[in-house]
C-alpha atoms as a PDB file:
ATOM      1  CA  UNK A   1     -33.202 -42.640  64.425  1.00  0.00           C
ATOM      2  CA  UNK A   2     -30.805 -40.007  64.283  1.00  0.00           C
ATOM      3  CA  UNK A   3     -31.147 -36.560  60.987  1.00  0.00           C
ATOM      4  CA  UNK A   4     -29.932 -37.521  58.530  1.00  0.00           C
ATOM      5  CA  UNK A   5     -26.325 -35.443  57.607  1.00  0.00           C
ATOM      6  CA  UNK A   6     -26.144 -33.625  53.841  1.00  0.00           C
ATOM      7  CA  UNK A   7     -24.958 -35.325  51.142  1.00  0.00           C
ATOM      8  CA  UNK A   8     -21.164 -34.085  49.856  1.00  0.00           C
ATOM      9  CA  UNK A   9     -22.334 -33.954  46.224  1.00  0.00           C
ATOM     10  CA  UNK A  10     -24.957 -31.154  48.259  1.00  0.00           C
ATOM     11  CA  UNK A  11     -22.304 -29.784  50.114  1.00  0.00           C
ATOM     12  CA  UNK A  12     -20.061 -28.836  47.312  1.00  0.00           C
ATOM     13  CA  UNK A  13     -22.981 -27.485  45.491  1.00  0.00           C
ATOM     14  CA  UNK A  14     -24.247 -24.666  48.516  1.00  0.00           C
ATOM     15  CA  UNK A  15     -20.307 -23.648  48.843  1.00  0.00           C
ATOM     16  CA  UNK A  16     -19.947 -22.617  44.265  1.00  0.00           C
ATOM     17  CA  UNK A  17     -23.545 -21.719  44.239  1.00  0.00           C
ATOM     18  CA  UNK A  18     -21.963 -19.140  47.424  1.00  0.00           C
ATOM     19  CA  UNK A  19     -18.993 -18.383  46.026  1.00  0.00           C
ATOM     20  CA  UNK A  20     -20.875 -16.899  42.743  1.00  0.00           C
ATOM     21  CA  UNK A  21     -22.596 -14.987  44.332  1.00  0.00           C
ATOM     22  CA  UNK A  22     -20.315 -12.868  46.635  1.00  0.00           C
ATOM     23  CA  UNK A  23     -17.737 -12.716  43.672  1.00  0.00           C
ATOM     24  CA  UNK A  24     -19.026  -9.855  40.677  1.00  0.00           C
ATOM     25  CA  UNK A  25     -19.202 -11.733  37.111  1.00  0.00           C
ATOM     26  CA  UNK A  26     -15.748 -12.228  35.388  1.00  0.00           C
ATOM     27  CA  UNK A  27     -17.398 -10.768  32.367  1.00  0.00           C
ATOM     28  CA  UNK A  28     -19.506  -7.727  33.607  1.00  0.00           C
ATOM     29  CA  UNK A  29     -19.665  -4.366  31.787  1.00  0.00           C
ATOM     30  CA  UNK A  30     -18.617  -1.489  32.689  1.00  0.00           C
ATOM     31  CA  UNK A  31     -21.283   0.437  30.629  1.00  0.00           C
ATOM     32  CA  UNK A  32     -19.864   4.258  32.185  1.00  0.00           C
ATOM     33  CA  UNK A  33     -16.178   3.118  30.676  1.00  0.00           C
ATOM     34  CA  UNK A  34     -17.752   1.853  27.440  1.00  0.00           C
ATOM     35  CA  UNK A  35     -20.071   4.873  27.013  1.00  0.00           C
ATOM     36  CA  UNK A  36     -17.352   7.067  27.479  1.00  0.00           C
ATOM     37  CA  UNK A  37     -14.615   4.918  25.266  1.00  0.00           C
ATOM     38  CA  UNK A  38     -17.192   5.250  22.209  1.00  0.00           C
ATOM     39  CA  UNK A  39     -17.796   9.077  22.574  1.00  0.00           C
ATOM     40  CA  UNK A  40     -13.484   8.798  22.278  1.00  0.00           C
ATOM     41  CA  UNK A  41     -13.929   7.107  19.301  1.00  0.00           C
ATOM     42  CA  UNK A  42     -16.678   9.686  17.665  1.00  0.00           C
ATOM     43  CA  UNK A  43     -14.593  12.229  18.887  1.00  0.00           C
ATOM     44  CA  UNK A  44     -11.425  10.822  17.204  1.00  0.00           C
ATOM     45  CA  UNK A  45     -13.572  10.458  13.941  1.00  0.00           C
ATOM     46  CA  UNK A  46     -14.268  14.161  13.998  1.00  0.00           C
ATOM     47  CA  UNK A  47     -11.196  15.290  12.941  1.00  0.00           C
ATOM     48  CA  UNK A  48     -11.170  16.211   9.283  1.00  0.00           C
ATOM     49  CA  UNK A  49      -8.437  18.479   7.026  1.00  0.00           C
ATOM     50  CA  UNK A  50      -9.734  21.959   7.378  1.00  0.00           C
ATOM     51  CA  UNK A  51     -12.908  21.272   9.476  1.00  0.00           C
ATOM     52  CA  UNK A  52     -13.175  22.231  12.551  1.00  0.00           C
ATOM     53  CA  UNK A  53     -16.789  21.000  14.137  1.00  0.00           C
ATOM     54  CA  UNK A  54     -18.194  22.627  17.841  1.00  0.00           C
ATOM     55  CA  UNK A  55     -17.785  20.202  20.386  1.00  0.00           C
ATOM     56  CA  UNK A  56     -20.188  21.466  22.531  1.00  0.00           C
ATOM     57  CA  UNK A  57     -22.747  21.475  19.844  1.00  0.00           C
ATOM     58  CA  UNK A  58     -22.067  18.086  18.777  1.00  0.00           C
ATOM     59  CA  UNK A  59     -22.458  17.232  22.266  1.00  0.00           C
ATOM     60  CA  UNK A  60     -25.722  18.404  22.359  1.00  0.00           C
ATOM     61  CA  UNK A  61     -26.472  17.333  19.008  1.00  0.00           C
ATOM     62  CA  UNK A  62     -26.262  13.452  20.428  1.00  0.00           C
ATOM     63  CA  UNK A  63     -28.453  14.232  23.861  1.00  0.00           C
ATOM     64  CA  UNK A  64     -30.793  15.251  21.488  1.00  0.00           C
ATOM     65  CA  UNK A  65     -30.778  12.938  19.436  1.00  0.00           C
ATOM     66  CA  UNK A  66     -31.014   9.877  21.768  1.00  0.00           C
ATOM     67  CA  UNK A  67     -33.103  11.489  23.181  1.00  0.00           C
ATOM     68  CA  UNK A  68     -35.490  11.396  20.267  1.00  0.00           C
ATOM     69  CA  UNK A  69     -35.679  15.294  19.928  1.00  0.00           C
ATOM     70  CA  UNK A  70     -36.244  16.747  16.446  1.00  0.00           C
ATOM     71  CA  UNK A  71     -33.016  17.203  14.383  1.00  0.00           C
ATOM     72  CA  UNK A  72     -32.140  21.101  13.701  1.00  0.00           C
ATOM     73  CA  UNK A  73     -31.770  20.314   9.979  1.00  0.00           C
ATOM     74  CA  UNK A  74     -33.380  17.714   7.452  1.00  0.00           C
ATOM     75  CA  UNK A  75     -31.650  15.124   6.133  1.00  0.00           C
ATOM     76  CA  UNK A  76     -30.951  16.917   3.051  1.00  0.00           C
ATOM     77  CA  UNK A  77     -30.170  19.817   4.740  1.00  0.00           C
ATOM     78  CA  UNK A  78     -27.861  18.523   6.398  1.00  0.00           C
ATOM     79  CA  UNK A  79     -25.987  16.315   2.964  1.00  0.00           C
ATOM     80  CA  UNK A  80     -26.048  19.154   1.320  1.00  0.00           C
ATOM     81  CA  UNK A  81     -24.007  22.006   4.132  1.00  0.00           C
ATOM     82  CA  UNK A  82     -21.754  18.948   4.957  1.00  0.00           C
ATOM     83  CA  UNK A  83     -20.988  19.099   0.985  1.00  0.00           C
ATOM     84  CA  UNK A  84     -19.993  22.529   0.882  1.00  0.00           C
ATOM     85  CA  UNK A  85     -18.155  22.582   4.073  1.00  0.00           C
ATOM     86  CA  UNK A  86     -16.366  20.247   3.130  1.00  0.00           C
ATOM     87  CA  UNK A  87     -15.237  21.542  -0.793  1.00  0.00           C
ATOM     88  CA  UNK A  88     -14.565  24.753   1.429  1.00  0.00           C
ATOM     89  CA  UNK A  89     -11.934  22.708   3.645  1.00  0.00           C
ATOM     90  CA  UNK A  90     -10.577  20.828   0.231  1.00  0.00           C
ATOM     91  CA  UNK A  91      -9.646  24.387  -1.228  1.00  0.00           C
ATOM     92  CA  UNK A  92      -8.377  25.722   1.378  1.00  0.00           C
ATOM     93  CA  UNK A  93      -6.040  22.748   2.237  1.00  0.00           C
ATOM     94  CA  UNK A  94      -5.255  22.604  -1.569  1.00  0.00           C
ATOM     95  CA  UNK A  95      -3.777  25.982  -1.211  1.00  0.00           C
ATOM     96  CA  UNK A  96      -1.759  25.878   1.821  1.00  0.00           C
ATOM     97  CA  UNK A  97      -0.555  22.518   0.964  1.00  0.00           C
ATOM     98  CA  UNK A  98       0.530  24.801  -2.717  1.00  0.00           C
ATOM     99  CA  UNK A  99       2.036  27.148  -0.213  1.00  0.00           C
ATOM    100  CA  UNK A 100       4.015  25.023   1.984  1.00  0.00           C
ATOM    101  CA  UNK A 101       5.597  22.838  -1.259  1.00  0.00           C
ATOM    102  CA  UNK A 102       6.725  26.064  -3.292  1.00  0.00           C
ATOM    103  CA  UNK A 103       8.390  27.398  -0.061  1.00  0.00           C
ATOM    104  CA  UNK A 104       9.873  23.765   1.057  1.00  0.00           C
ATOM    105  CA  UNK A 105      11.334  23.031  -2.325  1.00  0.00           C
ATOM    106  CA  UNK A 106      12.630  26.883  -1.993  1.00  0.00           C
ATOM    107  CA  UNK A 107      14.243  27.003   0.726  1.00  0.00           C
ATOM    108  CA  UNK A 108      15.836  22.857  -0.259  1.00  0.00           C
ATOM    109  CA  UNK A 109      17.268  23.429  -3.600  1.00  0.00           C
ATOM    110  CA  UNK A 110      20.003  25.578  -1.312  1.00  0.00           C
ATOM    111  CA  UNK A 111      20.435  22.687   0.787  1.00  0.00           C
ATOM    112  CA  UNK A 112      24.252  20.776  -0.111  1.00  0.00           C
ATOM    113  CA  UNK A 113      24.426  17.364  -2.128  1.00  0.00           C
ATOM    114  CA  UNK A 114      20.378  18.508  -3.955  1.00  0.00           C
ATOM    115  CA  UNK A 115      20.016  19.015  -7.340  1.00  0.00           C
ATOM    116  CA  UNK A 116      17.050  20.342  -9.371  1.00  0.00           C
ATOM    117  CA  UNK A 117      15.638  18.585 -12.574  1.00  0.00           C
ATOM    118  CA  UNK A 118      13.296  21.319 -12.809  1.00  0.00           C
ATOM    119  CA  UNK A 119      13.346  25.418 -11.308  1.00  0.00           C
ATOM    120  CA  UNK A 120      10.958  24.975  -8.806  1.00  0.00           C
ATOM    121  CA  UNK A 121       9.562  21.610  -9.648  1.00  0.00           C
ATOM    122  CA  UNK A 122      12.134  18.722  -9.087  1.00  0.00           C
ATOM    123  CA  UNK A 123      14.736  18.257  -6.945  1.00  0.00           C
ATOM    124  CA  UNK A 124      17.158  14.633  -6.150  1.00  0.00           C
ATOM    125  CA  UNK A 125      19.732  14.311  -3.703  1.00  0.00           C
ATOM    126  CA  UNK A 126      21.639  11.204  -4.302  1.00  0.00           C
ATOM    127  CA  UNK A 127      22.268   9.176  -0.990  1.00  0.00           C
ATOM    128  CA  UNK A 128      24.149   6.227  -2.373  1.00  0.00           C
ATOM    129  CA  UNK A 129      26.128   6.539  -5.782  1.00  0.00           C
ATOM    130  CA  UNK A 130      25.400   3.162  -8.177  1.00  0.00           C
ATOM    131  CA  UNK A 131      27.359   1.877 -11.029  1.00  0.00           C
ATOM    132  CA  UNK A 132      25.708  -0.305 -13.456  1.00  0.00           C
ATOM    133  CA  UNK A 133      23.619   0.066 -16.188  1.00  0.00           C
ATOM    134  CA  UNK A 134      21.542   3.379 -16.376  1.00  0.00           C
ATOM    135  CA  UNK A 135      17.414   3.204 -16.403  1.00  0.00           C
ATOM    136  CA  UNK A 136      16.690   5.129 -19.379  1.00  0.00           C
ATOM    137  CA  UNK A 137      12.610   5.998 -20.891  1.00  0.00           C
ATOM    138  CA  UNK A 138      10.613   4.487 -21.561  1.00  0.00           C
ATOM    139  CA  UNK A 139      11.699   1.756 -19.704  1.00  0.00           C
ATOM    140  CA  UNK A 140      10.478  -0.407 -16.852  1.00  0.00           C
ATOM    141  CA  UNK A 141      13.107   0.003 -13.455  1.00  0.00           C
ATOM    142  CA  UNK A 142      12.955  -3.080 -10.262  1.00  0.00           C
ATOM    143  CA  UNK A 143      13.047  -0.302  -7.501  1.00  0.00           C
ATOM    144  CA  UNK A 144      13.131  -0.370  -3.536  1.00  0.00           C
ATOM    145  CA  UNK A 145      10.198   2.624  -2.512  1.00  0.00           C
ATOM    146  CA  UNK A 146       9.089   4.340   0.078  1.00  0.00           C
ATOM    147  CA  UNK A 147       7.097   7.079  -0.240  1.00  0.00           C
ATOM    148  CA  UNK A 148       6.485  10.415   2.546  1.00  0.00           C
ATOM    149  CA  UNK A 149       4.713  13.753   3.274  1.00  0.00           C
ATOM    150  CA  UNK A 150       6.035  16.558   3.787  1.00  0.00           C
ATOM    151  CA  UNK A 151       6.487  15.989   7.415  1.00  0.00           C
ATOM    152  CA  UNK A 152       7.394  12.774   7.264  1.00  0.00           C
ATOM    153  CA  UNK A 153       4.146  10.144   7.289  1.00  0.00           C
ATOM    154  CA  UNK A 154       4.670   7.429   5.374  1.00  0.00           C
ATOM    155  CA  UNK A 155       2.107   7.042   3.080  1.00  0.00           C
ATOM    156  CA  UNK A 156       3.638   3.497   0.929  1.00  0.00           C
ATOM    157  CA  UNK A 157       6.714   1.093   0.273  1.00  0.00           C
ATOM    158  CA  UNK A 158       8.091  -1.606  -1.450  1.00  0.00           C
ATOM    159  CA  UNK A 159       8.458  -3.424   2.057  1.00  0.00           C
ATOM    160  CA  UNK A 160       4.977  -3.442   2.134  1.00  0.00           C
ATOM    161  CA  UNK A 161       4.241  -5.300  -0.451  1.00  0.00           C
ATOM    162  CA  UNK A 162       7.393  -7.419   0.383  1.00  0.00           C
ATOM    163  CA  UNK A 163      10.187  -6.100  -1.653  1.00  0.00           C
ATOM    164  CA  UNK A 164      10.992  -4.575  -4.172  1.00  0.00           C
ATOM    165  CA  UNK A 165       8.570  -3.425  -7.377  1.00  0.00           C
ATOM    166  CA  UNK A 166       8.362  -3.138 -11.100  1.00  0.00           C
ATOM    167  CA  UNK A 167       7.455   0.761 -11.970  1.00  0.00           C
ATOM    168  CA  UNK A 168       6.733   0.811 -16.278  1.00  0.00           C
ATOM    169  CA  UNK A 169       7.741   4.855 -16.632  1.00  0.00           C
ATOM    170  CA  UNK A 170       5.297   4.912 -19.122  1.00  0.00           C
ATOM    171  CA  UNK A 171       3.071   5.365 -16.254  1.00  0.00           C
ATOM    172  CA  UNK A 172       3.652   6.945 -13.234  1.00  0.00           C
ATOM    173  CA  UNK A 173       3.495  10.171 -12.241  1.00  0.00           C
ATOM    174  CA  UNK A 174       6.283  12.820 -13.707  1.00  0.00           C
ATOM    175  CA  UNK A 175       8.295  13.187 -11.181  1.00  0.00           C
ATOM    176  CA  UNK A 176       8.318  10.108 -10.511  1.00  0.00           C
ATOM    177  CA  UNK A 177       9.570   9.297 -14.054  1.00  0.00           C
ATOM    178  CA  UNK A 178      11.772  12.170 -14.477  1.00  0.00           C
ATOM    179  CA  UNK A 179      13.681  12.175 -11.412  1.00  0.00           C
ATOM    180  CA  UNK A 180      14.665   7.862 -12.361  1.00  0.00           C
ATOM    181  CA  UNK A 181      16.166   8.920 -15.298  1.00  0.00           C
ATOM    182  CA  UNK A 182      19.862   8.046 -14.877  1.00  0.00           C
ATOM    183  CA  UNK A 183      19.752   6.862 -12.095  1.00  0.00           C
ATOM    184  CA  UNK A 184      22.678   3.623 -11.724  1.00  0.00           C
ATOM    185  CA  UNK A 185      21.835   0.059 -11.171  1.00  0.00           C
ATOM    186  CA  UNK A 186      22.299   0.292  -6.786  1.00  0.00           C
ATOM    187  CA  UNK A 187      22.127   3.976  -6.395  1.00  0.00           C
ATOM    188  CA  UNK A 188      19.873   4.970  -3.656  1.00  0.00           C
ATOM    189  CA  UNK A 189      18.621   8.710  -4.486  1.00  0.00           C
ATOM    190  CA  UNK A 190      15.999  11.738  -2.715  1.00  0.00           C
ATOM    191  CA  UNK A 191      13.288  12.829  -5.040  1.00  0.00           C
ATOM    192  CA  UNK A 192      11.599  15.707  -3.818  1.00  0.00           C
ATOM    193  CA  UNK A 193       8.356  16.857  -5.982  1.00  0.00           C
ATOM    194  CA  UNK A 194       6.110  19.095  -6.516  1.00  0.00           C
ATOM    195  CA  UNK A 195       2.135  18.560  -6.973  1.00  0.00           C
ATOM    196  CA  UNK A 196       2.439  19.793 -10.519  1.00  0.00           C
ATOM    197  CA  UNK A 197       4.616  16.696 -11.276  1.00  0.00           C
ATOM    198  CA  UNK A 198       2.699  14.470  -8.530  1.00  0.00           C
ATOM    199  CA  UNK A 199      -1.080  14.059  -7.825  1.00  0.00           C
ATOM    200  CA  UNK A 200      -2.114  17.518  -7.343  1.00  0.00           C
ATOM    201  CA  UNK A 201      -5.491  17.975  -6.516  1.00  0.00           C
ATOM    202  CA  UNK A 202      -6.614  13.604  -7.731  1.00  0.00           C
ATOM    203  CA  UNK A 203      -6.034  10.587  -6.337  1.00  0.00           C
ATOM    204  CA  UNK A 204      -6.568   9.645  -2.692  1.00  0.00           C
ATOM    205  CA  UNK A 205      -3.959  11.723  -1.245  1.00  0.00           C
ATOM    206  CA  UNK A 206      -4.085  15.149   0.480  1.00  0.00           C
ATOM    207  CA  UNK A 207      -4.761  18.144  -2.192  1.00  0.00           C
ATOM    208  CA  UNK A 208      -1.416  19.321  -3.348  1.00  0.00           C
ATOM    209  CA  UNK A 209       0.795  17.530  -1.658  1.00  0.00           C
ATOM    210  CA  UNK A 210       4.643  17.256  -1.790  1.00  0.00           C
ATOM    211  CA  UNK A 211       5.594  13.984  -1.977  1.00  0.00           C
ATOM    212  CA  UNK A 212       9.204  12.857  -0.924  1.00  0.00           C
ATOM    213  CA  UNK A 213      10.636   9.454  -1.956  1.00  0.00           C
ATOM    214  CA  UNK A 214      13.864   7.351  -1.304  1.00  0.00           C
ATOM    215  CA  UNK A 215      14.862   4.684  -4.486  1.00  0.00           C
ATOM    216  CA  UNK A 216      17.055   2.370  -4.911  1.00  0.00           C
ATOM    217  CA  UNK A 217      17.101   0.810  -8.308  1.00  0.00           C
ATOM    218  CA  UNK A 218      17.583  -2.904  -8.254  1.00  0.00           C
ATOM    219  CA  UNK A 219      17.568  -3.247 -11.955  1.00  0.00           C
ATOM    220  CA  UNK A 220      17.599  -0.811 -14.367  1.00  0.00           C
ATOM    221  CA  UNK A 221      15.229  -2.146 -17.168  1.00  0.00           C
ATOM    222  CA  UNK A 222      13.400  -5.606 -15.604  1.00  0.00           C
ATOM    223  CA  UNK A 223      11.898  -5.941 -19.147  1.00  0.00           C
ATOM    224  CA  UNK A 224      14.905  -7.500 -19.620  1.00  0.00           C
ATOM    225  CA  UNK A 225      14.730 -10.095 -17.507  1.00  0.00           C
ATOM    226  CA  UNK A 226      11.471 -10.990 -18.876  1.00  0.00           C
ATOM    227  CA  UNK A 227      12.592 -10.487 -22.436  1.00  0.00           C
ATOM    228  CA  UNK A 228      15.926 -13.086 -21.146  1.00  0.00           C
ATOM    229  CA  UNK A 229      13.536 -15.339 -19.530  1.00  0.00           C
ATOM    230  CA  UNK A 230      11.515 -16.028 -22.426  1.00  0.00           C
ATOM    231  CA  UNK A 231      14.239 -16.607 -24.610  1.00  0.00           C
ATOM    232  CA  UNK A 232      15.625 -18.656 -22.457  1.00  0.00           C
ATOM    233  CA  UNK A 233      12.162 -20.605 -21.990  1.00  0.00           C
ATOM    234  CA  UNK A 234      12.120 -20.562 -26.231  1.00  0.00           C
ATOM    235  CA  UNK A 235      15.561 -22.044 -25.789  1.00  0.00           C
ATOM    236  CA  UNK A 236      14.454 -24.990 -23.348  1.00  0.00           C
ATOM    237  CA  UNK A 237      11.467 -25.487 -25.454  1.00  0.00           C
ATOM    238  CA  UNK A 238      13.683 -25.767 -28.688  1.00  0.00           C
ATOM    239  CA  UNK A 239      16.025 -27.982 -27.283  1.00  0.00           C
ATOM    240  CA  UNK A 240      13.195 -30.316 -26.004  1.00  0.00           C
ATOM    241  CA  UNK A 241      11.512 -30.058 -29.347  1.00  0.00           C
ATOM    242  CA  UNK A 242      14.420 -31.440 -31.215  1.00  0.00           C
ATOM    243  CA  UNK A 243      15.251 -33.915 -28.711  1.00  0.00           C
ATOM    244  CA  UNK A 244      12.043 -35.195 -29.483  1.00  0.00           C
ATOM    245  CA  UNK A 245      11.989 -35.309 -33.040  1.00  0.00           C
ATOM    246  CA  UNK A 246      15.591 -36.634 -32.384  1.00  0.00           C
ATOM    247  CA  UNK A 247      13.719 -39.468 -30.691  1.00  0.00           C
ATOM    248  CA  UNK A 248      11.444 -39.821 -32.807  1.00  0.00           C
ATOM    249  CA  UNK A 249      13.684 -40.061 -35.829  1.00  0.00           C
ATOM    250  CA  UNK A 250      15.467 -43.182 -33.633  1.00  0.00           C
ATOM    251  CA  UNK A 251      12.371 -44.880 -33.384  1.00  0.00           C
ATOM    252  CA  UNK A 252      11.103 -44.564 -37.285  1.00  0.00           C
ATOM    253  CA  UNK A 253      14.836 -45.799 -38.230  1.00  0.00           C
ATOM    254  CA  UNK A 254      14.475 -48.950 -36.234  1.00  0.00           C
ATOM    255  CA  UNK A 255      11.134 -49.343 -36.766  1.00  0.00           C
ATOM    256  CA  UNK A 256      12.704 -48.853 -41.136  1.00  0.00           C
ATOM    257  CA  UNK A 257      15.529 -51.645 -40.308  1.00  0.00           C
ATOM    258  CA  UNK A 258      13.444 -53.852 -38.043  1.00  0.00           C
ATOM    259  CA  UNK A 259      10.603 -54.103 -41.433  1.00  0.00           C
ATOM    260  CA  UNK A 260      14.105 -54.934 -43.950  1.00  0.00           C
ATOM    261  CA  UNK A 261      15.296 -57.755 -41.819  1.00  0.00           C
ATOM    262  CA  UNK A 262      12.047 -59.144 -41.831  1.00  0.00           C
ATOM    263  CA  UNK A 263      11.862 -58.883 -45.153  1.00  0.00           C
ATOM    264  CA  UNK A 264      15.287 -60.757 -45.405  1.00  0.00           C
ATOM    265  CA  UNK A 265      14.509 -63.896 -43.519  1.00  0.00           C
ATOM    266  CA  UNK A 266      11.209 -63.699 -46.085  1.00  0.00           C
ATOM    267  CA  UNK A 267      13.870 -64.052 -48.950  1.00  0.00           C
ATOM    268  CA  UNK A 268      15.572 -66.758 -47.315  1.00  0.00           C
END
């Protein structure tokens, strides 16, 4: 009796095993490339305004730390030194931005169409005139806006939140509220705000940053819309109440008429 031939299933399994052994796995990780990417991530996050790190010393610290060697500073010393460096960098950047804002506004005041509301502090330029109601003090206009730094970087806009927003003038920075006064519905205006009338060194923006806003007024006072809406709701509720009372009165009359008919029948 001759030797038995391998079953087809066995041959298929052997072929698949051979292919897997010859072909590298698709999900193999290139640790060298990943390590470089990790280093790149750290490098990007070393950038901080006013702070310049010694890259060679950073690399030395990485190697020594990975090797388990002692740190050149303990945690408390590191935190104190870093806080002092950041404080120094913040002060330097504040002064640098303040000087840049002053120089920009002095030059911008000479540009065609630029109007100064407060000399050296607040300017505007009309991009598109409007013809509707004017924005008045203490109002809450409905606006489209975009805010930029002096270098053109956008830090916020109404488009990000899906449409126009309402801004109570009594609850925003002075440069913004003063710059909107007198704008007409449909008007588009560019505001240039000195940090003294902006956020100064407060908030999450760069300290003493010049702010440039493009604003378009949709409604001079959105609180008027709210009042109209409330009045409309009141009228609707009043109408419903009157109708309900009328129905109750009719029901009452019908009941009284029915009772009267019953009494007449009893008398007969």
